[in-house]
Each structure stands twice: as structure tokens, then as C-alpha cells.
C-alpha atoms as a PDB file:
ATOM      1  CA  MET A   1       0.000   0.000   0.000  1.00  0.00           C
ATOM      2  CA  ASP A   2       1.343   3.443  -0.972  1.00  0.00           C
ATOM      3  CA  ARG A   3       1.315   5.749   2.041  1.00  0.00           C
ATOM      4  CA  GLY A   4       3.439   8.587   0.602  1.00  0.00           C
ATOM      5  CA  PRO A   5       0.975  11.520   0.731  1.00  0.00           C
ATOM      6  CA  GLU A   6      -0.209  10.431   4.157  1.00  0.00           C
ATOM      7  CA  ILE A   7       3.353  10.533   5.448  1.00  0.00           C
ATOM      8  CA  ASP A   8       4.067  14.074   4.268  1.00  0.00           C
ATOM      9  CA  THR A   9       0.711  15.251   5.629  1.00  0.00           C
ATOM     10  CA  ARG A  10       1.427  13.795   9.064  1.00  0.00           C
ATOM     11  CA  ALA A  11       4.891  15.299   9.150  1.00  0.00           C
ATOM     12  CA  ALA A  12       3.652  18.723   8.031  1.00  0.00           C
ATOM     13  CA  VAL A  13       0.862  18.766  10.598  1.00  0.00           C
ATOM     14  CA  ALA A  14       3.220  17.615  13.350  1.00  0.00           C
ATOM     15  CA  GLN A  15       5.723  20.351  12.513  1.00  0.00           C
ATOM     16  CA  ALA A  16       3.433  23.211  11.516  1.00  0.00           C
ATOM     17  CA  GLY A  17      -0.168  22.363  12.420  1.00  0.00           C
ATOM     18  CA  ALA A  18      -1.246  25.988  12.775  1.00  0.00           C
ATOM     19  CA  GLN A  19       0.100  26.887   9.345  1.00  0.00           C
ATOM     20  CA  VAL A  20      -1.606  23.893   7.720  1.00  0.00           C
ATOM     21  CA  ALA A  21      -4.875  24.700   9.514  1.00  0.00           C
ATOM     22  CA  GLY A  22      -4.614  28.318   8.404  1.00  0.00           C
ATOM     23  CA  PHE A  23      -4.250  27.295   4.788  1.00  0.00           C
ATOM     24  CA  LEU A  24      -7.069  24.762   5.014  1.00  0.00           C
ATOM     25  CA  ALA A  25      -9.392  27.406   6.455  1.00  0.00           C
ATOM     26  CA  GLY A  26      -9.229  29.025   3.023  1.00  0.00           C
ATOM     27  CA  HIS A  27     -11.242  26.234   1.463  1.00  0.00           C
ATOM     28  CA  VAL A  28     -14.424  27.876   2.788  1.00  0.00           C
ATOM     29  CA  GLY A  29     -14.209  30.711   0.254  1.00  0.00           C
ATOM     30  CA  LEU A  30     -13.225  28.458  -2.624  1.00  0.00           C
ATOM     31  CA  ALA A  31     -15.343  28.786  -5.771  1.00  0.00           C
ATOM     32  CA  ASP A  32     -17.215  25.560  -6.505  1.00  0.00           C
ATOM     33  CA  THR A  33     -15.404  24.933  -9.787  1.00  0.00           C
ATOM     34  CA  ALA A  34     -12.992  22.276 -10.964  1.00  0.00           C
ATOM     35  CA  VAL A  35     -10.395  24.940 -11.820  1.00  0.00           C
ATOM     36  CA  ALA A  36     -10.534  26.482  -8.336  1.00  0.00           C
ATOM     37  CA  TYR A  37     -10.275  23.115  -6.604  1.00  0.00           C
ATOM     38  CA  ALA A  38      -7.424  21.950  -8.826  1.00  0.00           C
ATOM     39  CA  GLY A  39      -5.409  25.069  -8.027  1.00  0.00           C
ATOM     40  CA  TYR A  40      -6.171  24.934  -4.321  1.00  0.00           C
ATOM     41  CA  ASP A  41      -5.346  21.239  -4.071  1.00  0.00           C
ATOM     42  CA  TRP A  42      -2.028  21.767  -5.849  1.00  0.00           C
ATOM     43  CA  GLN A  43      -1.129  24.579  -3.457  1.00  0.00           C
ATOM     44  CA  LEU A  44      -2.117  22.404  -0.489  1.00  0.00           C
ATOM     45  CA  HIS A  45       0.121  19.555  -1.582  1.00  0.00           C
ATOM     46  CA  ARG A  46       3.001  21.947  -2.250  1.00  0.00           C
ATOM     47  CA  LEU A  47       2.579  23.376   1.251  1.00  0.00           C
ATOM     48  CA  LEU A  48       2.409  19.931   2.874  1.00  0.00           C
ATOM     49  CA  THR A  49       5.523  18.681   1.125  1.00  0.00           C
ATOM     50  CA  ARG A  50       7.442  21.854   2.023  1.00  0.00           C
ATOM     51  CA  LEU A  51       6.362  21.730   5.679  1.00  0.00           C
ATOM     52  CA  SER A  52       7.049  18.008   6.001  1.00  0.00           C
ATOM     53  CA  GLY A  53      10.721  18.749   6.564  1.00  0.00           C
ATOM     54  CA  ASN A  54      11.794  16.154   4.022  1.00  0.00           C
ATOM     55  CA  PRO A  55      13.622  17.920   1.169  1.00  0.00           C
ATOM     56  CA  ILE A  56      12.909  15.025  -1.189  1.00  0.00           C
ATOM     57  CA  TYR A  57       9.092  15.373  -1.062  1.00  0.00           C
ATOM     58  CA  PRO A  58       8.972  18.786  -2.796  1.00  0.00           C
ATOM     59  CA  LEU A  59      11.331  17.531  -5.490  1.00  0.00           C
ATOM     60  CA  ILE A  60       9.088  14.554  -6.174  1.00  0.00           C
ATOM     61  CA  LEU A  61       5.938  16.670  -6.257  1.00  0.00           C
ATOM     62  CA  ASN A  62       7.544  19.227  -8.570  1.00  0.00           C
ATOM     63  CA  GLY A  63       7.950  16.417 -11.087  1.00  0.00           C
ATOM     64  CA  PHE A  64       4.164  16.455 -11.457  1.00  0.00           C
ATOM     65  CA  ALA A  65       3.882  20.232 -11.924  1.00  0.00           C
ATOM     66  CA  GLY A  66       3.367  20.041 -15.668  1.00  0.00           C
ATOM     67  CA  PHE A  67       0.183  18.028 -15.611  1.00  0.00           C
ATOM     68  CA  TYR A  68      -1.176  17.952 -12.054  1.00  0.00           C
ATOM     69  CA  GLU A  69      -3.694  20.783 -12.394  1.00  0.00           C
ATOM     70  CA  GLU A  70      -4.844  19.548 -15.799  1.00  0.00           C
ATOM     71  CA  MET A  71      -5.560  16.080 -14.426  1.00  0.00           C
ATOM     72  CA  ALA A  72      -6.988  17.541 -11.219  1.00  0.00           C
ATOM     73  CA  GLN A  73      -9.476  19.604 -13.223  1.00  0.00           C
ATOM     74  CA  LEU A  74     -10.794  16.384 -14.734  1.00  0.00           C
ATOM     75  CA  TYR A  75     -10.954  14.794 -11.278  1.00  0.00           C
ATOM     76  CA  PHE A  76     -12.753  17.784  -9.743  1.00  0.00           C
ATOM     77  CA  ALA A  77     -15.234  18.173 -12.612  1.00  0.00           C
ATOM     78  CA  PRO A  78     -17.985  16.121 -10.894  1.00  0.00           C
ATOM     79  CA  PRO A  79     -19.608  17.985  -7.983  1.00  0.00           C
ATOM     80  CA  LEU A  80     -19.277  14.859  -5.819  1.00  0.00           C
ATOM     81  CA  ALA A  81     -15.467  14.990  -6.082  1.00  0.00           C
ATOM     82  CA  ARG A  82     -15.471  18.599  -4.880  1.00  0.00           C
ATOM     83  CA  ALA A  83     -17.874  17.728  -2.048  1.00  0.00           C
ATOM     84  CA  ARG A  84     -15.610  14.910  -0.894  1.00  0.00           C
ATOM     85  CA  SER A  85     -12.613  17.202  -0.981  1.00  0.00           C
ATOM     86  CA  ARG A  86     -14.482  19.803   1.087  1.00  0.00           C
ATOM     87  CA  GLN A  87     -15.066  17.099   3.695  1.00  0.00           C
ATOM     88  CA  PHE A  88     -11.396  16.123   3.558  1.00  0.00           C
ATOM     89  CA  TYR A  89     -10.254  19.752   3.901  1.00  0.00           C
ATOM     90  CA  ARG A  90     -12.561  20.284   6.910  1.00  0.00           C
ATOM     91  CA  SER A  91     -11.327  17.109   8.558  1.00  0.00           C
ATOM     92  CA  GLU A  92      -7.673  17.952   7.978  1.00  0.00           C
ATOM     93  CA  GLU A  93      -8.232  21.518   9.193  1.00  0.00           C
ATOM     94  CA  HIS A  94      -9.703  20.217  12.448  1.00  0.00           C
ATOM     95  CA  THR A  95      -6.884  17.690  12.909  1.00  0.00           C
ATOM     96  CA  SER A  96      -4.264  20.363  12.192  1.00  0.00           C
ATOM     97  CA  GLU A  97      -5.838  22.729  14.707  1.00  0.00           C
ATOM     98  CA  LEU A  98      -5.768  20.025  17.378  1.00  0.00           C
ATOM     99  CA  GLN A  99      -2.124  19.219  16.637  1.00  0.00           C
ATOM    100  CA  SER A 100      -1.109  22.858  16.878  1.00  0.00           C
ATOM    101  CA  HIS A 101      -2.206  23.133  20.533  1.00  0.00           C
END
């Protein structure tokens, strides 16, 4: 089982929970469009890899920069995908807030 993104998320929250929570709070004002969600999700993953403290994670993620948002726009096209991501963002925001205290 691939646990890569989970690992960088845990590390980022452990090291900078308040910063992660602050970013995730921005999902509330996000336009309900595939383009908006693709951009936001890319920025979230860039933040998580940077805050993880592992210098390799950002390098790996940057390898996907050319096509991530294009593929993400296809993923986020159905309203259900955006709804699930909203739930994920809320959950991660709450977890990050708890870790920052």
C-alpha cells in the first residue's frame, strides 16, 4: 500500500499544524469549480511537502507540476469529487488545529 501523501501530511501537521490549519481554512471561500479546486489542491500539496521537513518530497511533487492541475481539473469536474474534498479539507483543518495546541 502506498502511504506517501499520508506521510508528508502527518509530518507537516506535526511540525506546523497551525500553518496547515490556516491554509485549510481558506477552502471555505473556494469557488465551486474544478479549476478552483485543482489550483487549491495543488497549493495544499506543495505546502504539505514543504512543511514536512523532508527535502525530497517537494522535489518529487515538482515532477508532477506540468500536468497535475490539468488532471486535477478532470478529477474535480464532478460535484461529488469537490464535495468529498471539502469534507477532507474540513477534517484535515480540524486535525491540524488540534495538533497545533
